[in-house]
Amino acid sequence: MVSIILDCLASGMTHEQILHSYPTLEKEDIFAALTYAALLAKEEFSPISLLPDGIFTDPIHEQKADVAGVQC
């Protein structure tokens, strides 16, 4: 339903028009869809360090991954 709400908004429909077209929705649902879309659209930057043995470390998330043999 999030994509439907976003499509409606992108096409220029007002909140009132969306609520009229989809009577099971409430105004809070539209704001929830926008909040979710904004969360998905945010970019996250994580600095990584590549160690000589092909392992990279992500100090923010404290994760390690083996990228030996992976071509970019």
Protein backbone atom coordinates (compact mmCIF):
# COMPACT_ATOMS: atom_id res chain seq x y z
CA MET A 1 0.00 0.00 0.00
CA VAL A 2 2.99 2.32 0.52
CA SER A 3 3.74 2.35 -3.20
CA ILE A 4 0.11 3.11 -4.04
CA ILE A 5 0.07 6.06 -1.65
CA LEU A 6 3.37 7.37 -3.04
CA ASP A 7 2.15 6.95 -6.62
CA CYS A 8 -1.00 8.90 -5.78
CA LEU A 9 0.99 11.69 -4.19
CA ALA A 10 3.45 11.75 -7.09
CA SER A 11 0.57 12.09 -9.53
CA GLY A 12 -0.60 15.20 -7.68
CA MET A 13 -3.47 13.78 -5.65
CA THR A 14 -4.21 15.54 -2.38
CA HIS A 15 -4.48 13.70 0.91
CA GLU A 16 -8.23 14.19 0.77
CA GLN A 17 -8.45 12.67 -2.73
CA ILE A 18 -6.42 9.65 -1.62
CA LEU A 19 -8.58 9.14 1.46
CA HIS A 20 -11.72 9.39 -0.69
CA SER A 21 -10.34 6.87 -3.22
CA TYR A 22 -9.21 4.46 -0.51
CA PRO A 23 -11.76 4.71 2.31
CA THR A 24 -9.97 2.19 4.53
CA LEU A 25 -6.99 4.56 4.82
CA GLU A 26 -6.58 7.18 7.49
CA LYS A 27 -4.55 10.38 7.30
CA GLU A 28 -1.92 8.80 9.55
CA ASP A 29 -1.41 6.06 6.93
CA ILE A 30 -0.31 8.66 4.39
CA PHE A 31 2.20 10.14 6.83
CA ALA A 32 3.43 6.64 7.72
CA ALA A 33 4.01 5.89 4.02
CA LEU A 34 5.97 9.13 3.63
CA THR A 35 8.02 8.40 6.73
CA TYR A 36 8.82 4.89 5.47
CA ALA A 37 9.79 6.21 2.03
CA ALA A 38 12.05 8.84 3.59
CA LEU A 39 13.75 6.18 5.68
CA LEU A 40 14.41 4.03 2.61
CA ALA A 41 15.73 7.01 0.67
CA LYS A 42 18.34 7.95 3.25
CA GLU A 43 21.88 7.11 2.32
CA GLU A 44 24.19 5.70 4.94
CA PHE A 45 27.93 6.19 4.74
CA SER A 46 30.11 3.68 6.55
CA PRO A 47 33.88 4.03 6.40
CA ILE A 48 35.62 0.73 5.81
CA SER A 49 39.21 -0.43 6.03
CA LEU A 50 40.61 -3.09 3.72
CA LEU A 51 43.16 -5.29 5.39
CA PRO A 52 46.00 -6.96 3.44
CA ASP A 53 44.36 -10.41 3.68
CA GLY A 54 41.23 -9.28 1.77
CA ILE A 55 39.09 -8.73 4.87
CA PHE A 56 37.38 -5.40 5.30
CA THR A 57 36.29 -4.00 8.61
CA ASP A 58 33.34 -1.72 9.22
CA PRO A 59 34.11 0.12 12.48
CA ILE A 60 30.61 1.58 12.80
CA HIS A 61 28.74 -1.73 12.56
CA GLU A 62 31.64 -3.78 13.93
CA GLN A 63 31.40 -6.25 11.08
CA LYS A 64 33.99 -8.06 9.02
CA ALA A 65 33.59 -9.61 5.59
CA ASP A 66 35.86 -11.62 3.35
CA VAL A 67 36.13 -9.85 0.01
CA ALA A 68 39.15 -11.73 -1.30
CA GLY A 69 38.65 -12.48 -4.98
CA VAL A 70 35.75 -10.06 -5.35
CA GLN A 71 36.18 -7.73 -8.30
CA CYS A 72 34.65 -4.27 -8.34
